[in-house]
Amino acid sequence: MSASQQHRRILGETIRAKRATADLSQEALAEKAGLSTVFISRVERGIESPSLDSLVKIAKALGVRVRDLVADL
């Protein structure tokens, strides 16, 4: 697994964990963030890397800072 694949996987796992803590479904997170459910799913599975703008939207929707999402990378 390449470093970028590992980073995507870790980021996805972190977003999934924060979403679970916030008691949000993927659909609810997507709606709050103004993103598609498919995109959230792909990010959580480490298939897709979010842009900085999307990462900020996800963090705001989760009520956390971007640094909280990327701290373990």
PDB file of N, CA and C in Angstrom:
ATOM      1  N   MET A   1       0.852  -1.178   0.000  1.00  0.00           N
ATOM      2  CA  MET A   1       0.000   0.000   0.000  1.00  0.00           C
ATOM      3  C   MET A   1       0.896   1.240   0.000  1.00  0.00           C
ATOM      4  N   SER A   2       0.621   2.161  -0.906  1.00  0.00           N
ATOM      5  CA  SER A   2       1.428   3.379  -0.989  1.00  0.00           C
ATOM      6  C   SER A   2       1.091   4.311   0.172  1.00  0.00           C
ATOM      7  N   ALA A   3       1.953   5.281   0.386  1.00  0.00           N
ATOM      8  CA  ALA A   3       1.731   6.239   1.475  1.00  0.00           C
ATOM      9  C   ALA A   3       0.437   7.011   1.258  1.00  0.00           C
ATOM     10  N   SER A   4       0.146   7.401   0.035  1.00  0.00           N
ATOM     11  CA  SER A   4      -1.079   8.164  -0.215  1.00  0.00           C
ATOM     12  C   SER A   4      -2.318   7.301   0.016  1.00  0.00           C
ATOM     13  N   GLN A   5      -2.256   6.031  -0.333  1.00  0.00           N
ATOM     14  CA  GLN A   5      -3.385   5.133  -0.069  1.00  0.00           C
ATOM     15  C   GLN A   5      -3.591   4.971   1.434  1.00  0.00           C
ATOM     16  N   GLN A   6      -2.498   4.854   2.165  1.00  0.00           N
ATOM     17  CA  GLN A   6      -2.590   4.712   3.610  1.00  0.00           C
ATOM     18  C   GLN A   6      -3.169   5.981   4.236  1.00  0.00           C
ATOM     19  N   HIS A   7      -2.758   7.139   3.739  1.00  0.00           N
ATOM     20  CA  HIS A   7      -3.289   8.408   4.258  1.00  0.00           C
ATOM     21  C   HIS A   7      -4.787   8.511   4.004  1.00  0.00           C
ATOM     22  N   ARG A   8      -5.222   8.118   2.807  1.00  0.00           N
ATOM     23  CA  ARG A   8      -6.660   8.145   2.493  1.00  0.00           C
ATOM     24  C   ARG A   8      -7.429   7.207   3.417  1.00  0.00           C
ATOM     25  N   ARG A   9      -6.879   6.039   3.672  1.00  0.00           N
ATOM     26  CA  ARG A   9      -7.539   5.062   4.546  1.00  0.00           C
ATOM     27  C   ARG A   9      -7.660   5.604   5.964  1.00  0.00           C
ATOM     28  N   ILE A  10      -6.585   6.164   6.498  1.00  0.00           N
ATOM     29  CA  ILE A  10      -6.594   6.710   7.855  1.00  0.00           C
ATOM     30  C   ILE A  10      -7.572   7.881   7.952  1.00  0.00           C
ATOM     31  N   LEU A  11      -7.547   8.774   6.968  1.00  0.00           N
ATOM     32  CA  LEU A  11      -8.472   9.903   6.960  1.00  0.00           C
ATOM     33  C   LEU A  11      -9.909   9.409   6.936  1.00  0.00           C
ATOM     34  N   GLY A  12     -10.185   8.446   6.095  1.00  0.00           N
ATOM     35  CA  GLY A  12     -11.535   7.887   6.011  1.00  0.00           C
ATOM     36  C   GLY A  12     -11.992   7.277   7.317  1.00  0.00           C
ATOM     37  N   GLU A  13     -11.108   6.531   7.965  1.00  0.00           N
ATOM     38  CA  GLU A  13     -11.444   5.914   9.256  1.00  0.00           C
ATOM     39  C   GLU A  13     -11.704   6.981  10.312  1.00  0.00           C
ATOM     40  N   THR A  14     -10.925   8.055  10.279  1.00  0.00           N
ATOM     41  CA  THR A  14     -11.106   9.140  11.245  1.00  0.00           C
ATOM     42  C   THR A  14     -12.441   9.832  11.028  1.00  0.00           C
ATOM     43  N   ILE A  15     -12.773  10.112   9.773  1.00  0.00           N
ATOM     44  CA  ILE A  15     -14.055  10.757   9.469  1.00  0.00           C
ATOM     45  C   ILE A  15     -15.202   9.849   9.897  1.00  0.00           C
ATOM     46  N   ARG A  16     -15.100   8.568   9.603  1.00  0.00           N
ATOM     47  CA  ARG A  16     -16.149   7.619   9.997  1.00  0.00           C
ATOM     48  C   ARG A  16     -16.324   7.608  11.520  1.00  0.00           C
ATOM     49  N   ALA A  17     -15.220   7.598  12.259  1.00  0.00           N
ATOM     50  CA  ALA A  17     -15.290   7.582  13.721  1.00  0.00           C
ATOM     51  C   ALA A  17     -15.912   8.874  14.262  1.00  0.00           C
ATOM     52  N   LYS A  18     -15.524  10.010  13.710  1.00  0.00           N
ATOM     53  CA  LYS A  18     -16.090  11.296  14.153  1.00  0.00           C
ATOM     54  C   LYS A  18     -17.580  11.351  13.804  1.00  0.00           C
ATOM     55  N   ARG A  19     -17.955  10.802  12.671  1.00  0.00           N
ATOM     56  CA  ARG A  19     -19.368  10.779  12.259  1.00  0.00           C
ATOM     57  C   ARG A  19     -20.177   9.919  13.221  1.00  0.00           C
ATOM     58  N   ALA A  20     -19.613   8.777  13.615  1.00  0.00           N
ATOM     59  CA  ALA A  20     -20.296   7.894  14.559  1.00  0.00           C
ATOM     60  C   ALA A  20     -20.450   8.575  15.914  1.00  0.00           C
ATOM     61  N   THR A  21     -19.412   9.265  16.355  1.00  0.00           N
ATOM     62  CA  THR A  21     -19.464   9.993  17.620  1.00  0.00           C
ATOM     63  C   THR A  21     -20.547  11.071  17.576  1.00  0.00           C
ATOM     64  N   ALA A  22     -20.694  11.705  16.420  1.00  0.00           N
ATOM     65  CA  ALA A  22     -21.713  12.745  16.245  1.00  0.00           C
ATOM     66  C   ALA A  22     -23.098  12.149  16.004  1.00  0.00           C
ATOM     67  N   ASP A  23     -23.171  10.819  15.940  1.00  0.00           N
ATOM     68  CA  ASP A  23     -24.426  10.104  15.711  1.00  0.00           C
ATOM     69  C   ASP A  23     -25.101  10.550  14.413  1.00  0.00           C
ATOM     70  N   LEU A  24     -24.287  10.620  13.352  1.00  0.00           N
ATOM     71  CA  LEU A  24     -24.788  11.012  12.036  1.00  0.00           C
ATOM     72  C   LEU A  24     -24.651   9.851  11.064  1.00  0.00           C
ATOM     73  N   SER A  25     -25.627   9.704  10.203  1.00  0.00           N
ATOM     74  CA  SER A  25     -25.505   8.750   9.096  1.00  0.00           C
ATOM     75  C   SER A  25     -24.672   9.419   8.009  1.00  0.00           C
ATOM     76  N   GLN A  26     -24.229   8.634   7.042  1.00  0.00           N
ATOM     77  CA  GLN A  26     -23.524   9.229   5.902  1.00  0.00           C
ATOM     78  C   GLN A  26     -24.421  10.228   5.193  1.00  0.00           C
ATOM     79  N   GLU A  27     -25.694   9.911   5.092  1.00  0.00           N
ATOM     80  CA  GLU A  27     -26.642  10.801   4.424  1.00  0.00           C
ATOM     81  C   GLU A  27     -26.764  12.127   5.166  1.00  0.00           C
ATOM     82  N   ALA A  28     -26.851  12.064   6.499  1.00  0.00           N
ATOM     83  CA  ALA A  28     -26.975  13.282   7.306  1.00  0.00           C
ATOM     84  C   ALA A  28     -25.708  14.129   7.207  1.00  0.00           C
ATOM     85  N   LEU A  29     -24.542  13.486   7.262  1.00  0.00           N
ATOM     86  CA  LEU A  29     -23.282  14.217   7.128  1.00  0.00           C
ATOM     87  C   LEU A  29     -23.198  14.866   5.760  1.00  0.00           C
ATOM     88  N   ALA A  30     -23.540  14.128   4.723  1.00  0.00           N
ATOM     89  CA  ALA A  30     -23.491  14.670   3.369  1.00  0.00           C
ATOM     90  C   ALA A  30     -24.388  15.895   3.238  1.00  0.00           C
ATOM     91  N   GLU A  31     -25.588  15.806   3.795  1.00  0.00           N
ATOM     92  CA  GLU A  31     -26.521  16.930   3.716  1.00  0.00           C
ATOM     93  C   GLU A  31     -25.983  18.144   4.465  1.00  0.00           C
ATOM     94  N   LYS A  32     -25.476  17.930   5.680  1.00  0.00           N
ATOM     95  CA  LYS A  32     -24.934  19.043   6.476  1.00  0.00           C
ATOM     96  C   LYS A  32     -23.727  19.683   5.808  1.00  0.00           C
ATOM     97  N   ALA A  33     -22.935  18.865   5.112  1.00  0.00           N
ATOM     98  CA  ALA A  33     -21.713  19.360   4.474  1.00  0.00           C
ATOM     99  C   ALA A  33     -21.958  19.882   3.057  1.00  0.00           C
ATOM    100  N   GLY A  34     -23.132  19.632   2.511  1.00  0.00           N
ATOM    101  CA  GLY A  34     -23.407  20.055   1.141  1.00  0.00           C
ATOM    102  C   GLY A  34     -22.658  19.224   0.119  1.00  0.00           C
ATOM    103  N   LEU A  35     -22.445  17.950   0.455  1.00  0.00           N
ATOM    104  CA  LEU A  35     -21.728  17.027  -0.425  1.00  0.00           C
ATOM    105  C   LEU A  35     -22.620  15.821  -0.695  1.00  0.00           C
ATOM    106  N   SER A  36     -22.233  14.985  -1.645  1.00  0.00           N
ATOM    107  CA  SER A  36     -23.054  13.812  -1.953  1.00  0.00           C
ATOM    108  C   SER A  36     -22.739  12.660  -1.003  1.00  0.00           C
ATOM    109  N   THR A  37     -23.732  11.831  -0.797  1.00  0.00           N
ATOM    110  CA  THR A  37     -23.559  10.641   0.036  1.00  0.00           C
ATOM    111  C   THR A  37     -22.521   9.707  -0.580  1.00  0.00           C
ATOM    112  N   VAL A  38     -22.533   9.590  -1.885  1.00  0.00           N
ATOM    113  CA  VAL A  38     -21.564   8.732  -2.577  1.00  0.00           C
ATOM    114  C   VAL A  38     -20.141   9.229  -2.300  1.00  0.00           C
ATOM    115  N   PHE A  39     -19.960  10.546  -2.338  1.00  0.00           N
ATOM    116  CA  PHE A  39     -18.634  11.115  -2.078  1.00  0.00           C
ATOM    117  C   PHE A  39     -18.190  10.813  -0.645  1.00  0.00           C
ATOM    118  N   ILE A  40     -19.077  11.015   0.322  1.00  0.00           N
ATOM    119  CA  ILE A  40     -18.741  10.727   1.725  1.00  0.00           C
ATOM    120  C   ILE A  40     -18.359   9.258   1.875  1.00  0.00           C
ATOM    121  N   SER A  41     -19.113   8.385   1.252  1.00  0.00           N
ATOM    122  CA  SER A  41     -18.824   6.956   1.313  1.00  0.00           C
ATOM    123  C   SER A  41     -17.445   6.649   0.728  1.00  0.00           C
ATOM    124  N   ARG A  42     -17.140   7.240  -0.408  1.00  0.00           N
ATOM    125  CA  ARG A  42     -15.846   6.991  -1.062  1.00  0.00           C
ATOM    126  C   ARG A  42     -14.687   7.521  -0.219  1.00  0.00           C
ATOM    127  N   VAL A  43     -14.889   8.667   0.430  1.00  0.00           N
ATOM    128  CA  VAL A  43     -13.844   9.223   1.300  1.00  0.00           C
ATOM    129  C   VAL A  43     -13.643   8.316   2.507  1.00  0.00           C
ATOM    130  N   GLU A  44     -14.738   7.884   3.123  1.00  0.00           N
ATOM    131  CA  GLU A  44     -14.632   7.027   4.308  1.00  0.00           C
ATOM    132  C   GLU A  44     -13.974   5.689   3.995  1.00  0.00           C
ATOM    133  N   ARG A  45     -14.155   5.198   2.781  1.00  0.00           N
ATOM    134  CA  ARG A  45     -13.536   3.921   2.397  1.00  0.00           C
ATOM    135  C   ARG A  45     -12.119   4.102   1.869  1.00  0.00           C
ATOM    136  N   GLY A  46     -11.636   5.337   1.821  1.00  0.00           N
ATOM    137  CA  GLY A  46     -10.271   5.597   1.375  1.00  0.00           C
ATOM    138  C   GLY A  46     -10.082   5.510  -0.127  1.00  0.00           C
ATOM    139  N   ILE A  47     -11.177   5.583  -0.856  1.00  0.00           N
ATOM    140  CA  ILE A  47     -11.112   5.492  -2.313  1.00  0.00           C
ATOM    141  C   ILE A  47     -10.817   6.854  -2.928  1.00  0.00           C
ATOM    142  N   GLU A  48     -11.331   7.887  -2.298  1.00  0.00           N
ATOM    143  CA  GLU A  48     -11.206   9.231  -2.847  1.00  0.00           C
ATOM    144  C   GLU A  48     -10.620  10.166  -1.803  1.00  0.00           C
ATOM    145  N   SER A  49      -9.811  11.120  -2.269  1.00  0.00           N
ATOM    146  CA  SER A  49      -9.251  12.142  -1.387  1.00  0.00           C
ATOM    147  C   SER A  49     -10.086  13.408  -1.517  1.00  0.00           C
ATOM    148  N   PRO A  50     -10.547  13.953  -0.398  1.00  0.00           N
ATOM    149  CA  PRO A  50     -11.316  15.187  -0.494  1.00  0.00           C
ATOM    150  C   PRO A  50     -10.397  16.375  -0.761  1.00  0.00           C
ATOM    151  N   SER A  51     -10.923  17.369  -1.459  1.00  0.00           N
ATOM    152  CA  SER A  51     -10.185  18.616  -1.616  1.00  0.00           C
ATOM    153  C   SER A  51     -10.159  19.328  -0.272  1.00  0.00           C
ATOM    154  N   LEU A  52      -9.353  20.352  -0.158  1.00  0.00           N
ATOM    155  CA  LEU A  52      -9.308  21.118   1.081  1.00  0.00           C
ATOM    156  C   LEU A  52     -10.681  21.711   1.371  1.00  0.00           C
ATOM    157  N   ASP A  53     -11.353  22.241   0.353  1.00  0.00           N
ATOM    158  CA  ASP A  53     -12.682  22.820   0.551  1.00  0.00           C
ATOM    159  C   ASP A  53     -13.660  21.774   1.090  1.00  0.00           C
ATOM    160  N   SER A  54     -13.632  20.577   0.524  1.00  0.00           N
ATOM    161  CA  SER A  54     -14.528  19.507   0.987  1.00  0.00           C
ATOM    162  C   SER A  54     -14.169  19.072   2.392  1.00  0.00           C
ATOM    163  N   LEU A  55     -12.888  19.013   2.695  1.00  0.00           N
ATOM    164  CA  LEU A  55     -12.448  18.624   4.032  1.00  0.00           C
ATOM    165  C   LEU A  55     -12.939  19.639   5.074  1.00  0.00           C
ATOM    166  N   VAL A  56     -12.891  20.925   4.728  1.00  0.00           N
ATOM    167  CA  VAL A  56     -13.392  21.968   5.628  1.00  0.00           C
ATOM    168  C   VAL A  56     -14.895  21.799   5.829  1.00  0.00           C
ATOM    169  N   LYS A  57     -15.626  21.527   4.770  1.00  0.00           N
ATOM    170  CA  LYS A  57     -17.077  21.322   4.875  1.00  0.00           C
ATOM    171  C   LYS A  57     -17.399  20.127   5.774  1.00  0.00           C
ATOM    172  N   ILE A  58     -16.650  19.045   5.608  1.00  0.00           N
ATOM    173  CA  ILE A  58     -16.861  17.848   6.426  1.00  0.00           C
ATOM    174  C   ILE A  58     -16.569  18.160   7.892  1.00  0.00           C
ATOM    175  N   ALA A  59     -15.448  18.839   8.152  1.00  0.00           N
ATOM    176  CA  ALA A  59     -15.081  19.177   9.529  1.00  0.00           C
ATOM    177  C   ALA A  59     -16.159  20.049  10.174  1.00  0.00           C
ATOM    178  N   LYS A  60     -16.628  21.059   9.464  1.00  0.00           N
ATOM    179  CA  LYS A  60     -17.664  21.941  10.014  1.00  0.00           C
ATOM    180  C   LYS A  60     -18.940  21.162  10.295  1.00  0.00           C
ATOM    181  N   ALA A  61     -19.310  20.287   9.393  1.00  0.00           N
ATOM    182  CA  ALA A  61     -20.525  19.485   9.576  1.00  0.00           C
ATOM    183  C   ALA A  61     -20.402  18.555  10.781  1.00  0.00           C
ATOM    184  N   LEU A  62     -19.191  18.112  11.073  1.00  0.00           N
ATOM    185  CA  LEU A  62     -18.948  17.227  12.213  1.00  0.00           C
ATOM    186  C   LEU A  62     -18.719  18.004  13.513  1.00  0.00           C
ATOM    187  N   GLY A  63     -18.534  19.316  13.395  1.00  0.00           N
ATOM    188  CA  GLY A  63     -18.270  20.129  14.575  1.00  0.00           C
ATOM    189  C   GLY A  63     -16.870  19.959  15.125  1.00  0.00           C
ATOM    190  N   VAL A  64     -15.931  19.668  14.222  1.00  0.00           N
ATOM    191  CA  VAL A  64     -14.527  19.512  14.619  1.00  0.00           C
ATOM    192  C   VAL A  64     -13.662  20.400  13.738  1.00  0.00           C
ATOM    193  N   ARG A  65     -12.385  20.477  14.072  1.00  0.00           N
ATOM    194  CA  ARG A  65     -11.429  21.239  13.260  1.00  0.00           C
ATOM    195  C   ARG A  65     -10.805  20.301  12.222  1.00  0.00           C
ATOM    196  N   VAL A  66     -10.355  20.874  11.136  1.00  0.00           N
ATOM    197  CA  VAL A  66      -9.684  20.060  10.106  1.00  0.00           C
ATOM    198  C   VAL A  66      -8.498  19.338  10.725  1.00  0.00           C
ATOM    199  N   ARG A  67      -7.794  19.995  11.599  1.00  0.00           N
ATOM    200  CA  ARG A  67      -6.610  19.350  12.216  1.00  0.00           C
ATOM    201  C   ARG A  67      -6.990  18.112  13.010  1.00  0.00           C
ATOM    202  N   ASP A  68      -8.223  18.072  13.534  1.00  0.00           N
ATOM    203  CA  ASP A  68      -8.684  16.874  14.248  1.00  0.00           C
ATOM    204  C   ASP A  68      -8.846  15.695  13.297  1.00  0.00           C
ATOM    205  N   LEU A  69      -9.117  15.989  12.033  1.00  0.00           N
ATOM    206  CA  LEU A  69      -9.309  14.924  11.040  1.00  0.00           C
ATOM    207  C   LEU A  69      -7.989  14.417  10.464  1.00  0.00           C
ATOM    208  N   VAL A  70      -6.977  15.290  10.451  1.00  0.00           N
ATOM    209  CA  VAL A  70      -5.717  14.903   9.815  1.00  0.00           C
ATOM    210  C   VAL A  70      -4.570  14.677  10.806  1.00  0.00           C
ATOM    211  N   ALA A  71      -4.867  14.727  12.091  1.00  0.00           N
ATOM    212  CA  ALA A  71      -3.810  14.624  13.111  1.00  0.00           C
ATOM    213  C   ALA A  71      -3.028  13.325  13.034  1.00  0.00           C
ATOM    214  N   ASP A  72      -3.664  12.240  12.625  1.00  0.00           N
ATOM    215  CA  ASP A  72      -2.984  10.935  12.621  1.00  0.00           C
ATOM    216  C   ASP A  72      -2.312  10.598  11.295  1.00  0.00           C
ATOM    217  N   LEU A  73      -2.298  11.544  10.367  1.00  0.00           N
ATOM    218  CA  LEU A  73      -1.700  11.247   9.053  1.00  0.00           C
ATOM    219  C   LEU A  73      -0.204  11.332   9.105  1.00  0.00           C
TER     220      LEU A  73
END
